[in-house]
Structure formats: structure tokens, C-alpha cells
Amino acid sequence: MSRRTLTAILTVVCLLTALNVGGPVLNLFFPARAAIAKMSYEDLVRDPDFARAVHSIVQKCKVNVELAKLEC
């Protein structure tokens, strides 16, 4: 590869790294919202129906930590 190509790749990698590090620090990213009723994370944690649904799904799943795989 030419020197110019390597410089361009290194520049892009540095910019993406800065965005990944600086985004959460500067709060550039939008908060996560649920698909229904635009509930926040805190709302979902407090919602007993949501908690019950998550517990029932998790109980049916198997986690393979070595392969980083979740099977439901």
C-alpha cells in the first residue's frame, strides 16, 4: 500500500476511536428507547410486566460463554 493510503486509513481509525471514546463522555448519543410507549431504561426496570417477561425468556435460554453464544 502506498503511504497516502496508510495515512488515510490511520486517520479514519483515529477519528472513529475519538468518536467512540468521546461520544459517551460528551453525551452525543441518543438515549435508548423501548419500541412501545417510548419508555426509558428506568421505566422498563420498574415495570413489573417487563421484568416478568424478561425472566421468563431468560429461563428458557442457554449461554455458551466460550463461544459467546445465546441459545433460546
Protein backbone atom coordinates (compact mmCIF):
# COMPACT_ATOMS: atom_id res chain seq x y z
CA MET A 1 0.00 0.00 0.00
CA SER A 2 1.10 3.50 -0.63
CA ARG A 3 1.99 5.91 2.15
CA ARG A 4 -1.04 8.05 1.31
CA THR A 5 -3.45 5.11 1.68
CA LEU A 6 -1.96 4.12 5.04
CA THR A 7 -2.23 7.72 6.24
CA ALA A 8 -5.90 7.86 5.19
CA ILE A 9 -6.68 4.56 6.94
CA LEU A 10 -4.89 5.67 10.11
CA THR A 11 -6.78 8.98 10.07
CA VAL A 12 -10.16 7.23 9.74
CA VAL A 13 -9.30 4.80 12.54
CA CYS A 14 -8.24 7.67 14.82
CA LEU A 15 -11.44 9.62 14.09
CA LEU A 16 -13.65 6.58 14.78
CA THR A 17 -11.77 5.90 18.01
CA ALA A 18 -12.24 9.51 19.09
CA LEU A 19 -15.97 9.27 18.36
CA ASN A 20 -16.31 6.03 20.33
CA VAL A 21 -14.44 7.47 23.32
CA GLY A 22 -15.82 10.99 23.15
CA GLY A 23 -19.44 10.15 22.32
CA PRO A 24 -20.49 8.86 25.73
CA VAL A 25 -18.36 11.44 27.53
CA LEU A 26 -19.93 14.35 25.64
CA ASN A 27 -23.36 12.66 25.61
CA LEU A 28 -23.57 12.74 21.80
CA PHE A 29 -25.62 9.58 21.53
CA PHE A 30 -29.38 9.43 21.91
CA PRO A 31 -30.74 7.53 24.92
CA ALA A 32 -32.19 4.10 24.25
CA ARG A 33 -35.96 3.95 24.00
CA ALA A 34 -38.27 0.97 24.00
CA ALA A 35 -40.41 0.31 20.95
CA ILE A 36 -43.62 0.63 22.94
CA ALA A 37 -44.65 3.86 24.66
CA LYS A 38 -41.10 5.25 24.35
CA MET A 39 -40.25 4.04 27.84
CA SER A 40 -36.80 4.80 29.20
CA TYR A 41 -34.45 2.26 30.73
CA GLU A 42 -35.54 3.31 34.22
CA ASP A 43 -39.22 2.90 33.28
CA LEU A 44 -38.57 -0.61 31.99
CA VAL A 45 -36.67 -1.60 35.11
CA ARG A 46 -39.61 -0.52 37.26
CA ASP A 47 -42.26 -2.15 35.03
CA PRO A 48 -43.31 -5.48 36.61
CA ASP A 49 -44.75 -6.86 33.35
CA PHE A 50 -41.49 -6.22 31.51
CA ALA A 51 -39.46 -7.78 34.32
CA ARG A 52 -41.70 -10.86 34.31
CA ALA A 53 -41.34 -11.21 30.53
CA VAL A 54 -37.55 -10.93 30.68
CA HIS A 55 -37.34 -13.51 33.46
CA SER A 56 -39.46 -15.99 31.51
CA ILE A 57 -37.31 -15.57 28.38
CA VAL A 58 -34.01 -15.83 30.24
CA GLN A 59 -35.07 -19.03 31.99
CA LYS A 60 -35.55 -20.71 28.60
CA CYS A 61 -32.10 -19.70 27.26
CA LYS A 62 -28.71 -21.37 27.44
CA VAL A 63 -25.49 -19.34 27.41
CA ASN A 64 -22.25 -20.70 25.97
CA VAL A 65 -19.62 -18.34 27.40
CA GLU A 66 -16.74 -19.88 25.44
CA LEU A 67 -18.43 -19.23 22.10
CA ALA A 68 -20.21 -16.05 23.27
CA LYS A 69 -23.48 -17.55 22.07
CA LEU A 70 -27.01 -17.38 23.45
CA GLU A 71 -29.48 -20.10 22.50
CA CYS A 72 -33.17 -19.76 23.29
